């Protein structure tokens, strides 16, 4: 496993921890011909935070958002061109807080939702420049080959999706909302990110994965 590094916009903070900004993201799901699929959007390569990475549509809470659910719906509409019906459920799936040693931090709630019928995502071309429906295993394989840039929370969510075979099963299951705050470890091999309850690699043996892989 290759040593990790922090990506642009994920620089370490030498001072007091930054207060995390409230944020929300949508894990949009559909049942594909070969199993569960998830929508990933590619962040603009010129973005300050996680440039070029493939992520779930989302962003920080803004003035005028009633709550994080409202933020999630707005970001999905703005970044992916997908409008959820007012009655469409947004299921709280997880809550992630950026490591306290990273300069830009978010307190991000991930909501899971079923895609509307005949959903055709359209990126805004500003924050996001591309979109793909992918099986979680295919996205992880593309990451391992260096064909797809993923950030750490996206990787961990994609790995977790292996336990469900359909959108209905995933939305009906219980989801633990205890906050997850990964740790960043710097040593002579590089900068690594670990799950909070791991003293070694967050992915098993060898080095932990990078927060973002190097550009090809």
N, C-alpha and C. Protein backbone atom coordinates (compact mmCIF):
# COMPACT_ATOMS: atom_id res chain seq x y z
N UNK A 1 0.84 -1.19 0.00
CA UNK A 1 0.00 0.00 0.00
C UNK A 1 0.88 1.25 0.00
N UNK A 2 0.55 2.23 -0.80
CA UNK A 2 1.38 3.42 -0.93
C UNK A 2 1.12 4.40 0.20
N UNK A 3 2.16 5.15 0.65
CA UNK A 3 1.93 6.14 1.68
C UNK A 3 0.93 7.19 1.23
N UNK A 4 0.23 7.79 2.16
CA UNK A 4 -0.77 8.80 1.83
C UNK A 4 -0.24 10.21 1.92
N UNK A 5 -1.07 11.13 1.50
CA UNK A 5 -0.75 12.55 1.62
C UNK A 5 -2.04 13.33 1.67
N UNK A 6 -1.95 14.55 2.16
CA UNK A 6 -3.11 15.42 2.16
C UNK A 6 -3.24 16.11 0.82
N UNK A 7 -4.47 16.30 0.36
CA UNK A 7 -4.70 16.99 -0.89
C UNK A 7 -4.81 18.48 -0.69
N UNK A 8 -4.93 19.21 -1.80
CA UNK A 8 -5.10 20.64 -1.76
C UNK A 8 -6.37 20.98 -0.98
N UNK A 9 -6.27 21.97 -0.09
CA UNK A 9 -7.40 22.35 0.72
C UNK A 9 -7.52 21.52 1.98
N UNK A 10 -6.62 20.53 2.15
CA UNK A 10 -6.64 19.69 3.34
C UNK A 10 -5.34 19.86 4.11
N UNK A 11 -4.78 21.07 4.09
CA UNK A 11 -3.52 21.34 4.76
C UNK A 11 -3.68 21.21 6.26
N UNK A 12 -2.59 20.81 6.92
CA UNK A 12 -2.63 20.66 8.36
C UNK A 12 -2.62 22.02 9.05
N UNK A 13 -3.24 22.05 10.22
CA UNK A 13 -3.34 23.27 11.01
C UNK A 13 -2.42 23.14 12.22
N UNK A 14 -1.48 24.07 12.37
CA UNK A 14 -0.52 24.01 13.46
C UNK A 14 -1.07 24.65 14.74
N UNK A 15 -2.16 25.40 14.64
CA UNK A 15 -2.70 26.11 15.79
C UNK A 15 -3.88 25.39 16.42
N UNK A 16 -4.75 26.16 17.07
CA UNK A 16 -5.94 25.59 17.68
C UNK A 16 -6.87 25.03 16.61
N UNK A 17 -7.64 23.99 16.94
CA UNK A 17 -8.54 23.40 15.94
C UNK A 17 -9.55 24.41 15.42
N UNK A 18 -9.81 24.37 14.12
CA UNK A 18 -10.84 25.19 13.50
C UNK A 18 -12.21 24.63 13.86
N UNK A 19 -13.18 25.52 14.12
CA UNK A 19 -14.53 25.07 14.39
C UNK A 19 -15.15 24.51 13.10
N UNK A 20 -15.65 23.28 13.11
CA UNK A 20 -16.22 22.70 11.88
C UNK A 20 -17.47 23.44 11.44
N UNK A 21 -17.61 23.64 10.15
CA UNK A 21 -18.82 24.24 9.59
C UNK A 21 -19.88 23.17 9.38
N UNK A 22 -21.14 23.43 9.77
CA UNK A 22 -22.20 22.47 9.48
C UNK A 22 -22.33 22.27 7.98
N UNK A 23 -22.53 21.02 7.56
CA UNK A 23 -22.62 20.68 6.14
C UNK A 23 -23.53 19.47 5.99
N UNK A 24 -23.89 19.19 4.75
CA UNK A 24 -24.75 18.04 4.45
C UNK A 24 -24.43 17.53 3.06
N UNK A 25 -24.66 16.24 2.85
CA UNK A 25 -24.44 15.61 1.56
C UNK A 25 -25.54 14.58 1.32
N UNK A 26 -25.77 14.26 0.04
CA UNK A 26 -26.79 13.29 -0.32
C UNK A 26 -26.14 12.08 -0.99
N UNK A 27 -26.39 10.91 -0.43
CA UNK A 27 -25.99 9.65 -1.05
C UNK A 27 -27.20 9.21 -1.88
N UNK A 28 -27.20 9.54 -3.16
CA UNK A 28 -28.33 9.23 -4.04
C UNK A 28 -28.14 7.83 -4.61
N UNK A 29 -29.18 7.00 -4.50
CA UNK A 29 -29.06 5.58 -4.80
C UNK A 29 -30.10 5.14 -5.82
N UNK A 30 -29.74 4.11 -6.58
CA UNK A 30 -30.70 3.47 -7.46
C UNK A 30 -30.34 1.99 -7.60
N UNK A 31 -31.31 1.19 -8.01
CA UNK A 31 -31.08 -0.23 -8.27
C UNK A 31 -30.72 -0.40 -9.74
N UNK A 32 -29.47 -0.74 -10.01
CA UNK A 32 -29.01 -0.96 -11.37
C UNK A 32 -29.17 -2.41 -11.78
N UNK A 33 -28.88 -2.69 -13.03
CA UNK A 33 -29.02 -4.06 -13.55
C UNK A 33 -28.08 -5.03 -12.84
N UNK A 34 -26.96 -4.52 -12.33
CA UNK A 34 -25.98 -5.39 -11.67
C UNK A 34 -25.88 -5.13 -10.17
N UNK A 35 -26.88 -4.45 -9.63
CA UNK A 35 -26.88 -4.20 -8.19
C UNK A 35 -26.97 -2.73 -7.85
N UNK A 36 -26.81 -2.45 -6.58
CA UNK A 36 -26.92 -1.10 -6.05
C UNK A 36 -25.93 -0.15 -6.72
N UNK A 37 -26.40 1.04 -7.11
CA UNK A 37 -25.53 2.06 -7.69
C UNK A 37 -25.69 3.37 -6.93
N UNK A 38 -24.63 4.16 -6.91
CA UNK A 38 -24.61 5.43 -6.20
C UNK A 38 -24.16 6.53 -7.16
N UNK A 39 -24.68 7.73 -6.96
CA UNK A 39 -24.29 8.86 -7.79
C UNK A 39 -23.07 9.56 -7.19
N UNK A 40 -22.02 9.69 -8.01
CA UNK A 40 -20.84 10.45 -7.64
C UNK A 40 -20.68 11.61 -8.60
N UNK A 41 -20.29 12.76 -8.07
CA UNK A 41 -20.01 13.93 -8.89
C UNK A 41 -18.55 14.31 -8.73
N UNK A 42 -17.98 14.83 -9.80
CA UNK A 42 -16.56 15.22 -9.75
C UNK A 42 -16.45 16.70 -9.45
N UNK A 43 -15.72 17.02 -8.39
CA UNK A 43 -15.49 18.42 -8.04
C UNK A 43 -14.59 19.09 -9.07
N UNK A 44 -14.80 20.37 -9.26
CA UNK A 44 -14.01 21.15 -10.21
C UNK A 44 -12.52 21.02 -9.86
N UNK A 45 -11.67 20.69 -10.83
CA UNK A 45 -10.24 20.59 -10.55
C UNK A 45 -9.63 21.90 -10.04
N UNK A 46 -10.33 23.02 -10.25
CA UNK A 46 -9.83 24.31 -9.76
C UNK A 46 -10.34 24.63 -8.36
N UNK A 47 -11.13 23.75 -7.77
CA UNK A 47 -11.70 24.01 -6.45
C UNK A 47 -10.61 24.07 -5.38
N UNK A 48 -10.89 24.81 -4.33
CA UNK A 48 -9.93 24.94 -3.24
C UNK A 48 -9.85 23.66 -2.42
N UNK A 49 -10.99 23.02 -2.20
CA UNK A 49 -11.05 21.84 -1.34
C UNK A 49 -11.32 20.60 -2.19
N UNK A 50 -10.48 19.58 -2.04
CA UNK A 50 -10.61 18.31 -2.75
C UNK A 50 -10.81 18.49 -4.25
N UNK A 51 -9.94 19.22 -4.93
CA UNK A 51 -10.11 19.44 -6.37
C UNK A 51 -10.04 18.14 -7.16
N UNK A 52 -10.99 17.97 -8.08
CA UNK A 52 -10.98 16.81 -8.96
C UNK A 52 -11.50 15.53 -8.33
N UNK A 53 -11.82 15.54 -7.04
CA UNK A 53 -12.27 14.32 -6.38
C UNK A 53 -13.72 14.01 -6.73
N UNK A 54 -14.05 12.73 -6.71
CA UNK A 54 -15.41 12.27 -6.92
C UNK A 54 -16.06 12.07 -5.56
N UNK A 55 -17.18 12.74 -5.34
CA UNK A 55 -17.80 12.80 -4.02
C UNK A 55 -19.31 12.67 -4.14
N UNK A 56 -19.99 12.61 -3.01
CA UNK A 56 -21.44 12.73 -2.99
C UNK A 56 -21.81 14.20 -3.04
N UNK A 57 -22.85 14.59 -3.77
CA UNK A 57 -23.24 16.00 -3.82
C UNK A 57 -23.48 16.54 -2.41
N UNK A 58 -22.90 17.69 -2.13
CA UNK A 58 -23.06 18.25 -0.79
C UNK A 58 -22.27 19.52 -0.61
N UNK A 59 -22.43 20.14 0.55
CA UNK A 59 -21.72 21.37 0.83
C UNK A 59 -22.14 21.95 2.18
N UNK A 60 -21.59 23.11 2.48
CA UNK A 60 -21.82 23.75 3.77
C UNK A 60 -23.22 24.36 3.85
N UNK A 61 -23.74 24.40 5.07
CA UNK A 61 -25.02 25.06 5.32
C UNK A 61 -24.88 26.56 5.05
N UNK A 62 -25.86 27.13 4.36
CA UNK A 62 -25.85 28.56 4.05
C UNK A 62 -26.98 29.27 4.78
N UNK A 63 -26.85 30.59 4.87
CA UNK A 63 -27.97 31.40 5.38
C UNK A 63 -29.18 31.15 4.48
N UNK A 64 -30.31 30.93 5.10
CA UNK A 64 -31.52 30.65 4.35
C UNK A 64 -31.88 29.18 4.33
N UNK A 65 -30.91 28.28 4.62
CA UNK A 65 -31.22 26.86 4.74
C UNK A 65 -31.90 26.62 6.08
N UNK A 66 -33.05 25.99 6.06
CA UNK A 66 -33.78 25.76 7.31
C UNK A 66 -33.05 24.79 8.22
N UNK A 67 -32.42 23.80 7.65
CA UNK A 67 -31.69 22.79 8.42
C UNK A 67 -30.78 22.04 7.45
N UNK A 68 -30.10 21.00 7.96
CA UNK A 68 -29.17 20.27 7.10
C UNK A 68 -29.89 19.47 6.01
N UNK A 69 -31.12 19.06 6.25
CA UNK A 69 -31.88 18.41 5.19
C UNK A 69 -32.10 19.38 4.03
N UNK A 70 -32.44 20.62 4.37
CA UNK A 70 -32.64 21.62 3.32
C UNK A 70 -31.34 21.85 2.56
N UNK A 71 -30.22 21.86 3.27
CA UNK A 71 -28.92 22.01 2.62
C UNK A 71 -28.67 20.86 1.66
N UNK A 72 -28.96 19.64 2.11
CA UNK A 72 -28.74 18.46 1.27
C UNK A 72 -29.55 18.54 -0.01
N UNK A 73 -30.83 18.91 0.09
CA UNK A 73 -31.68 19.02 -1.09
C UNK A 73 -31.15 20.11 -2.03
N UNK A 74 -30.77 21.24 -1.48
CA UNK A 74 -30.28 22.34 -2.30
C UNK A 74 -29.00 21.95 -3.03
N UNK A 75 -28.06 21.34 -2.32
CA UNK A 75 -26.78 20.96 -2.93
C UNK A 75 -26.98 19.91 -4.03
N UNK A 76 -27.89 18.97 -3.80
CA UNK A 76 -28.18 17.98 -4.84
C UNK A 76 -28.73 18.64 -6.09
N UNK A 77 -29.60 19.62 -5.89
CA UNK A 77 -30.18 20.34 -7.02
C UNK A 77 -29.12 21.18 -7.73
N UNK A 78 -28.29 21.90 -6.97
CA UNK A 78 -27.31 22.81 -7.57
C UNK A 78 -26.16 22.05 -8.24
N UNK A 79 -25.66 21.01 -7.61
CA UNK A 79 -24.46 20.34 -8.11
C UNK A 79 -24.76 19.25 -9.13
N UNK A 80 -25.92 18.59 -8.98
CA UNK A 80 -26.21 17.45 -9.86
C UNK A 80 -27.47 17.63 -10.68
N UNK A 81 -28.20 18.73 -10.49
CA UNK A 81 -29.41 18.96 -11.26
C UNK A 81 -30.53 17.99 -10.95
N UNK A 82 -30.51 17.42 -9.73
CA UNK A 82 -31.54 16.45 -9.33
C UNK A 82 -32.43 17.08 -8.28
N UNK A 83 -33.73 17.08 -8.54
CA UNK A 83 -34.71 17.66 -7.61
C UNK A 83 -35.47 16.51 -6.95
N UNK A 84 -35.40 16.45 -5.63
CA UNK A 84 -36.17 15.46 -4.90
C UNK A 84 -37.56 16.00 -4.60
N UNK A 85 -38.56 15.15 -4.73
CA UNK A 85 -39.92 15.55 -4.37
C UNK A 85 -39.96 15.93 -2.89
N UNK A 86 -40.85 16.85 -2.54
CA UNK A 86 -40.94 17.30 -1.16
C UNK A 86 -41.19 16.14 -0.20
N UNK A 87 -41.92 15.13 -0.66
CA UNK A 87 -42.22 14.00 0.21
C UNK A 87 -41.19 12.89 0.19
N UNK A 88 -40.18 13.03 -0.66
CA UNK A 88 -39.15 11.98 -0.76
C UNK A 88 -38.32 11.95 0.52
N UNK A 89 -38.19 10.79 1.14
CA UNK A 89 -37.46 10.73 2.41
C UNK A 89 -35.96 10.91 2.21
N UNK A 90 -35.36 11.63 3.14
CA UNK A 90 -33.91 11.73 3.27
C UNK A 90 -33.56 11.02 4.57
N UNK A 91 -32.91 9.87 4.47
CA UNK A 91 -32.61 9.07 5.65
C UNK A 91 -31.23 9.43 6.19
N UNK A 92 -31.13 9.91 7.44
CA UNK A 92 -29.80 10.16 8.00
C UNK A 92 -28.97 8.89 8.01
N UNK A 93 -27.80 8.93 7.37
CA UNK A 93 -26.99 7.73 7.20
C UNK A 93 -25.75 7.74 8.08
N UNK A 94 -25.08 8.89 8.17
CA UNK A 94 -23.86 8.97 8.97
C UNK A 94 -23.53 10.44 9.24
N UNK A 95 -22.63 10.63 10.18
CA UNK A 95 -22.16 11.99 10.49
C UNK A 95 -20.65 11.94 10.62
N UNK A 96 -19.97 12.75 9.82
CA UNK A 96 -18.51 12.77 9.80
C UNK A 96 -18.00 14.18 10.14
N UNK A 97 -16.97 14.24 10.95
CA UNK A 97 -16.33 15.50 11.31
C UNK A 97 -14.88 15.45 10.84
N UNK A 98 -14.46 16.46 10.10
CA UNK A 98 -13.09 16.52 9.59
C UNK A 98 -12.09 16.47 10.75
N UNK A 99 -10.98 15.76 10.60
CA UNK A 99 -9.99 15.69 11.68
C UNK A 99 -9.60 17.07 12.20
N UNK A 100 -9.40 17.17 13.51
CA UNK A 100 -9.13 18.48 14.11
C UNK A 100 -7.79 19.05 13.73
N UNK A 101 -6.90 18.24 13.16
CA UNK A 101 -5.60 18.74 12.72
C UNK A 101 -5.62 19.28 11.29
N UNK A 102 -6.79 19.23 10.62
CA UNK A 102 -6.91 19.75 9.26
C UNK A 102 -7.47 21.17 9.31
N UNK A 103 -6.99 22.03 8.44
CA UNK A 103 -7.32 23.45 8.50
C UNK A 103 -8.79 23.73 8.18
N UNK A 104 -9.30 23.15 7.08
CA UNK A 104 -10.70 23.36 6.69
C UNK A 104 -11.51 22.18 7.20
N UNK A 105 -12.51 22.46 8.05
CA UNK A 105 -13.23 21.38 8.71
C UNK A 105 -14.74 21.51 8.49
N UNK A 106 -15.42 20.35 8.43
CA UNK A 106 -16.87 20.30 8.28
C UNK A 106 -17.45 19.28 9.26
N UNK A 107 -18.64 19.60 9.74
CA UNK A 107 -19.45 18.65 10.51
C UNK A 107 -20.58 18.23 9.57
N UNK A 108 -20.37 17.12 8.90
CA UNK A 108 -21.17 16.77 7.72
C UNK A 108 -22.11 15.60 8.01
N UNK A 109 -23.41 15.82 7.80
CA UNK A 109 -24.39 14.73 7.89
C UNK A 109 -24.65 14.23 6.48
N UNK A 110 -24.50 12.92 6.29
CA UNK A 110 -24.78 12.27 5.01
C UNK A 110 -26.19 11.69 5.06
N UNK A 111 -27.02 12.09 4.10
CA UNK A 111 -28.39 11.57 3.99
C UNK A 111 -28.46 10.63 2.79
N UNK A 112 -29.17 9.52 2.96
CA UNK A 112 -29.39 8.59 1.86
C UNK A 112 -30.78 8.80 1.28
N UNK A 113 -30.90 8.70 -0.04
CA UNK A 113 -32.19 8.90 -0.70
C UNK A 113 -32.26 8.07 -1.97
N UNK A 114 -33.46 7.64 -2.31
CA UNK A 114 -33.69 6.93 -3.56
C UNK A 114 -33.79 7.95 -4.69
N UNK A 115 -33.17 7.64 -5.82
CA UNK A 115 -33.22 8.55 -6.96
C UNK A 115 -34.63 8.61 -7.54
N UNK A 116 -35.05 9.78 -8.00
CA UNK A 116 -36.35 9.86 -8.69
C UNK A 116 -36.34 9.00 -9.95
N UNK A 117 -37.51 8.63 -10.41
CA UNK A 117 -37.61 7.84 -11.64
C UNK A 117 -37.02 8.61 -12.81
N UNK A 118 -36.31 7.89 -13.69
CA UNK A 118 -35.70 8.47 -14.89
C UNK A 118 -34.81 9.66 -14.54
N UNK A 119 -34.05 9.50 -13.49
CA UNK A 119 -33.16 10.58 -13.03
C UNK A 119 -31.97 10.72 -13.98
N UNK A 120 -31.74 11.94 -14.47
CA UNK A 120 -30.61 12.22 -15.36
C UNK A 120 -29.80 13.38 -14.76
N UNK A 121 -28.79 13.06 -13.97
CA UNK A 121 -27.99 14.12 -13.34
C UNK A 121 -27.33 15.03 -14.37
N UNK A 122 -27.27 16.32 -14.05
CA UNK A 122 -26.61 17.33 -14.88
C UNK A 122 -25.79 18.22 -13.97
N UNK A 123 -24.48 18.19 -14.14
CA UNK A 123 -23.61 18.98 -13.27
C UNK A 123 -23.71 20.46 -13.61
N UNK A 124 -23.44 21.30 -12.60
CA UNK A 124 -23.56 22.74 -12.80
C UNK A 124 -22.39 23.32 -13.59
N UNK A 125 -21.29 22.59 -13.72
CA UNK A 125 -20.13 23.07 -14.47
C UNK A 125 -19.26 24.03 -13.69
N UNK A 126 -19.69 24.40 -12.49
CA UNK A 126 -18.92 25.31 -11.65
C UNK A 126 -18.29 24.53 -10.49
N UNK A 127 -19.11 24.14 -9.53
CA UNK A 127 -18.60 23.34 -8.42
C UNK A 127 -18.29 21.92 -8.86
N UNK A 128 -19.12 21.37 -9.73
CA UNK A 128 -18.94 19.99 -10.20
C UNK A 128 -18.96 19.96 -11.72
N UNK A 129 -18.13 19.09 -12.30
CA UNK A 129 -17.96 19.09 -13.75
C UNK A 129 -18.36 17.79 -14.42
N UNK A 130 -18.66 16.75 -13.64
CA UNK A 130 -19.04 15.47 -14.23
C UNK A 130 -19.83 14.68 -13.19
N UNK A 131 -20.58 13.69 -13.65
CA UNK A 131 -21.37 12.83 -12.76
C UNK A 131 -21.42 11.43 -13.33
N UNK A 132 -21.45 10.44 -12.43
CA UNK A 132 -21.51 9.04 -12.85
C UNK A 132 -22.35 8.23 -11.85
N UNK A 133 -23.15 7.31 -12.40
CA UNK A 133 -23.73 6.27 -11.58
C UNK A 133 -22.74 5.12 -11.56
N UNK A 134 -22.38 4.64 -10.36
CA UNK A 134 -21.39 3.56 -10.26
C UNK A 134 -21.79 2.59 -9.15
N UNK A 135 -21.48 1.32 -9.39
CA UNK A 135 -21.55 0.37 -8.28
C UNK A 135 -20.41 0.70 -7.32
N UNK A 136 -20.63 0.61 -6.01
CA UNK A 136 -19.56 0.92 -5.06
C UNK A 136 -18.28 0.15 -5.33
N UNK A 137 -18.39 -1.14 -5.65
CA UNK A 137 -17.18 -1.93 -5.90
C UNK A 137 -16.43 -1.44 -7.13
N UNK A 138 -17.15 -0.99 -8.15
CA UNK A 138 -16.49 -0.47 -9.36
C UNK A 138 -15.75 0.83 -9.06
N UNK A 139 -16.35 1.69 -8.25
CA UNK A 139 -15.70 2.93 -7.88
C UNK A 139 -14.42 2.67 -7.09
N UNK A 140 -14.48 1.72 -6.16
CA UNK A 140 -13.30 1.39 -5.38
C UNK A 140 -12.21 0.77 -6.24
N UNK A 141 -12.59 -0.07 -7.19
CA UNK A 141 -11.61 -0.66 -8.10
C UNK A 141 -10.94 0.42 -8.95
N UNK A 142 -11.74 1.39 -9.42
CA UNK A 142 -11.18 2.49 -10.22
C UNK A 142 -10.22 3.33 -9.40
N UNK A 143 -10.54 3.51 -8.14
CA UNK A 143 -9.63 4.23 -7.24
C UNK A 143 -8.30 3.50 -7.08
N UNK A 144 -8.38 2.19 -6.90
CA UNK A 144 -7.15 1.40 -6.73
C UNK A 144 -6.27 1.46 -7.97
N UNK A 145 -6.90 1.54 -9.15
CA UNK A 145 -6.13 1.64 -10.40
C UNK A 145 -5.59 3.04 -10.64
N UNK A 146 -6.04 4.01 -9.87
CA UNK A 146 -5.63 5.39 -10.09
C UNK A 146 -6.46 6.10 -11.12
N UNK A 147 -7.63 5.52 -11.49
CA UNK A 147 -8.49 6.12 -12.51
C UNK A 147 -9.53 7.05 -11.91
N UNK A 148 -9.72 7.01 -10.60
CA UNK A 148 -10.76 7.80 -9.95
C UNK A 148 -10.20 8.32 -8.64
N UNK A 149 -10.35 9.61 -8.42
CA UNK A 149 -9.84 10.22 -7.19
C UNK A 149 -10.97 10.28 -6.16
N UNK A 150 -10.74 9.67 -5.01
CA UNK A 150 -11.74 9.63 -3.95
C UNK A 150 -11.15 10.17 -2.66
N UNK A 151 -11.98 10.83 -1.87
CA UNK A 151 -11.55 11.27 -0.54
C UNK A 151 -11.94 10.21 0.48
N UNK A 152 -11.32 10.29 1.64
CA UNK A 152 -11.44 9.25 2.64
C UNK A 152 -12.88 8.93 3.04
N UNK A 153 -13.73 9.92 3.38
CA UNK A 153 -15.10 9.56 3.77
C UNK A 153 -15.87 8.84 2.65
N UNK A 154 -15.65 9.25 1.40
CA UNK A 154 -16.33 8.59 0.29
C UNK A 154 -15.90 7.14 0.19
N UNK A 155 -14.61 6.87 0.35
CA UNK A 155 -14.10 5.50 0.31
C UNK A 155 -14.78 4.65 1.38
N UNK A 156 -14.82 5.18 2.61
CA UNK A 156 -15.38 4.39 3.71
C UNK A 156 -16.87 4.13 3.51
N UNK A 157 -17.61 5.09 2.95
CA UNK A 157 -19.02 4.85 2.66
C UNK A 157 -19.18 3.78 1.57
N UNK A 158 -18.39 3.88 0.52
CA UNK A 158 -18.49 2.91 -0.57
C UNK A 158 -18.20 1.50 -0.07
N UNK A 159 -17.23 1.37 0.82
CA UNK A 159 -16.94 0.05 1.39
C UNK A 159 -18.12 -0.47 2.21
N UNK A 160 -18.77 0.41 2.91
CA UNK A 160 -19.89 0.01 3.77
C UNK A 160 -21.11 -0.45 2.96
N UNK A 161 -21.27 0.06 1.75
CA UNK A 161 -22.45 -0.27 0.95
C UNK A 161 -22.49 -1.74 0.54
N UNK A 162 -21.40 -2.47 0.70
CA UNK A 162 -21.37 -3.87 0.29
C UNK A 162 -22.37 -4.72 1.06
N UNK A 163 -22.84 -4.25 2.20
CA UNK A 163 -23.74 -5.06 3.02
C UNK A 163 -25.19 -5.03 2.52
N UNK A 164 -25.51 -4.12 1.59
CA UNK A 164 -26.88 -4.01 1.09
C UNK A 164 -26.93 -4.35 -0.40
N UNK A 165 -28.00 -5.01 -0.81
CA UNK A 165 -28.15 -5.39 -2.21
C UNK A 165 -29.16 -4.54 -2.95
N UNK A 166 -29.95 -3.73 -2.22
CA UNK A 166 -30.96 -2.91 -2.88
C UNK A 166 -31.15 -1.60 -2.12
N UNK A 167 -31.74 -0.62 -2.80
CA UNK A 167 -32.01 0.67 -2.17
C UNK A 167 -32.99 0.49 -1.01
N UNK A 168 -34.01 -0.32 -1.20
CA UNK A 168 -35.01 -0.53 -0.15
C UNK A 168 -34.36 -1.06 1.12
N UNK A 169 -33.48 -2.05 0.97
CA UNK A 169 -32.82 -2.63 2.14
C UNK A 169 -31.95 -1.60 2.85
N UNK A 170 -31.23 -0.79 2.09
CA UNK A 170 -30.35 0.20 2.70
C UNK A 170 -31.15 1.25 3.46
N UNK A 171 -32.21 1.76 2.85
CA UNK A 171 -32.98 2.82 3.49
C UNK A 171 -33.72 2.31 4.72
N UNK A 172 -34.06 1.02 4.74
CA UNK A 172 -34.84 0.46 5.84
C UNK A 172 -33.96 0.06 7.03
N UNK A 173 -32.67 -0.03 6.82
CA UNK A 173 -31.77 -0.50 7.87
C UNK A 173 -31.51 0.60 8.89
N UNK A 174 -31.00 0.20 10.05
CA UNK A 174 -30.62 1.16 11.09
C UNK A 174 -29.24 1.72 10.76
N UNK A 175 -29.07 3.02 10.92
CA UNK A 175 -27.79 3.66 10.64
C UNK A 175 -27.31 4.43 11.87
N UNK A 176 -26.08 4.16 12.27
CA UNK A 176 -25.51 4.75 13.47
C UNK A 176 -25.04 6.18 13.16
N UNK A 177 -25.59 7.15 13.88
CA UNK A 177 -25.21 8.55 13.64
C UNK A 177 -24.19 9.07 14.65
N UNK A 178 -23.54 8.17 15.39
CA UNK A 178 -22.45 8.62 16.25
C UNK A 178 -21.39 9.29 15.39
N UNK A 179 -20.93 10.49 15.76
CA UNK A 179 -19.98 11.20 14.89
C UNK A 179 -18.68 10.44 14.69
N UNK A 180 -18.22 10.42 13.45
CA UNK A 180 -16.95 9.80 13.09
C UNK A 180 -15.94 10.91 12.84
N UNK A 181 -14.88 10.94 13.61
CA UNK A 181 -13.83 11.95 13.41
C UNK A 181 -12.50 11.24 13.20
N UNK A 182 -12.08 11.05 11.95
CA UNK A 182 -10.82 10.36 11.68
C UNK A 182 -9.63 11.09 12.29
N UNK A 183 -8.52 10.37 12.35
CA UNK A 183 -7.26 10.94 12.84
C UNK A 183 -6.28 11.06 11.68
N UNK A 184 -5.43 12.07 11.75
CA UNK A 184 -4.35 12.22 10.78
C UNK A 184 -3.04 11.93 11.50
N UNK A 185 -2.24 11.07 10.91
CA UNK A 185 -0.95 10.68 11.47
C UNK A 185 0.14 11.06 10.47
N UNK A 186 1.16 11.75 10.97
CA UNK A 186 2.30 12.14 10.14
C UNK A 186 3.52 11.40 10.65
N UNK A 187 4.19 10.64 9.76
CA UNK A 187 5.41 9.97 10.14
C UNK A 187 6.39 10.01 8.98
N UNK A 188 7.48 9.22 9.08
CA UNK A 188 8.50 9.29 8.03
C UNK A 188 8.05 8.68 6.72
N UNK A 189 6.86 8.06 6.70
CA UNK A 189 6.34 7.48 5.47
C UNK A 189 5.36 8.41 4.76
N UNK A 190 4.96 9.50 5.43
CA UNK A 190 4.01 10.43 4.83
C UNK A 190 2.92 10.81 5.79
N UNK A 191 1.82 11.31 5.25
CA UNK A 191 0.67 11.73 6.02
C UNK A 191 -0.48 10.77 5.75
N UNK A 192 -1.03 10.18 6.80
CA UNK A 192 -2.03 9.14 6.66
C UNK A 192 -3.30 9.52 7.42
N UNK A 193 -4.40 8.98 6.99
CA UNK A 193 -5.66 9.19 7.70
C UNK A 193 -6.15 7.84 8.20
N UNK A 194 -6.59 7.81 9.46
CA UNK A 194 -7.06 6.59 10.10
C UNK A 194 -8.45 6.80 10.67
N UNK A 195 -9.23 5.73 10.73
CA UNK A 195 -10.47 5.79 11.47
C UNK A 195 -10.13 6.00 12.95
N UNK A 196 -11.02 6.61 13.72
CA UNK A 196 -10.67 6.98 15.10
C UNK A 196 -10.35 5.79 15.99
N UNK A 197 -10.87 4.60 15.68
CA UNK A 197 -10.65 3.45 16.54
C UNK A 197 -9.56 2.53 16.03
N UNK A 198 -8.72 3.01 15.11
CA UNK A 198 -7.65 2.19 14.56
C UNK A 198 -6.29 2.77 14.96
N UNK A 199 -5.41 1.89 15.44
CA UNK A 199 -4.04 2.30 15.73
C UNK A 199 -3.13 2.03 14.55
N UNK A 200 -3.61 1.17 13.63
CA UNK A 200 -2.84 0.89 12.42
C UNK A 200 -3.66 1.34 11.23
N UNK A 201 -3.51 0.64 10.13
CA UNK A 201 -4.19 1.05 8.91
C UNK A 201 -5.70 1.01 9.06
N UNK A 202 -6.37 1.99 8.49
CA UNK A 202 -7.83 2.02 8.49
C UNK A 202 -8.41 1.00 7.51
N UNK A 203 -7.57 0.37 6.71
CA UNK A 203 -8.06 -0.53 5.67
C UNK A 203 -7.47 -1.93 5.80
N UNK A 204 -6.94 -2.26 6.96
CA UNK A 204 -6.36 -3.58 7.13
C UNK A 204 -4.85 -3.50 7.22
N UNK A 205 -4.15 -4.36 6.51
CA UNK A 205 -2.70 -4.40 6.61
C UNK A 205 -2.07 -3.33 5.74
N UNK A 206 -0.84 -2.98 6.09
CA UNK A 206 -0.10 -2.00 5.29
C UNK A 206 -0.45 -0.58 5.65
N UNK A 207 -0.06 0.36 4.80
CA UNK A 207 -0.32 1.76 5.04
C UNK A 207 -1.80 2.07 4.87
N UNK A 208 -2.32 3.05 5.61
CA UNK A 208 -3.66 3.55 5.31
C UNK A 208 -3.66 4.26 3.97
N UNK A 209 -4.83 4.34 3.36
CA UNK A 209 -4.91 5.05 2.09
C UNK A 209 -4.77 6.55 2.32
N UNK A 210 -4.42 7.23 1.26
CA UNK A 210 -4.32 8.68 1.29
C UNK A 210 -5.71 9.29 1.37
N UNK A 211 -5.79 10.55 1.80
CA UNK A 211 -7.05 11.25 1.73
C UNK A 211 -7.42 11.46 0.28
N UNK A 212 -6.44 11.81 -0.56
CA UNK A 212 -6.68 11.87 -2.00
C UNK A 212 -5.44 11.31 -2.69
N UNK A 213 -5.60 10.50 -3.76
CA UNK A 213 -4.45 9.95 -4.44
C UNK A 213 -3.74 11.01 -5.26
N UNK A 214 -2.47 10.81 -5.61
CA UNK A 214 -1.76 11.79 -6.42
C UNK A 214 -2.38 11.90 -7.80
N UNK A 215 -2.27 13.08 -8.39
CA UNK A 215 -2.76 13.28 -9.76
C UNK A 215 -1.97 12.44 -10.73
N UNK A 216 -2.67 11.94 -11.74
CA UNK A 216 -2.00 11.12 -12.76
C UNK A 216 -1.42 12.03 -13.84
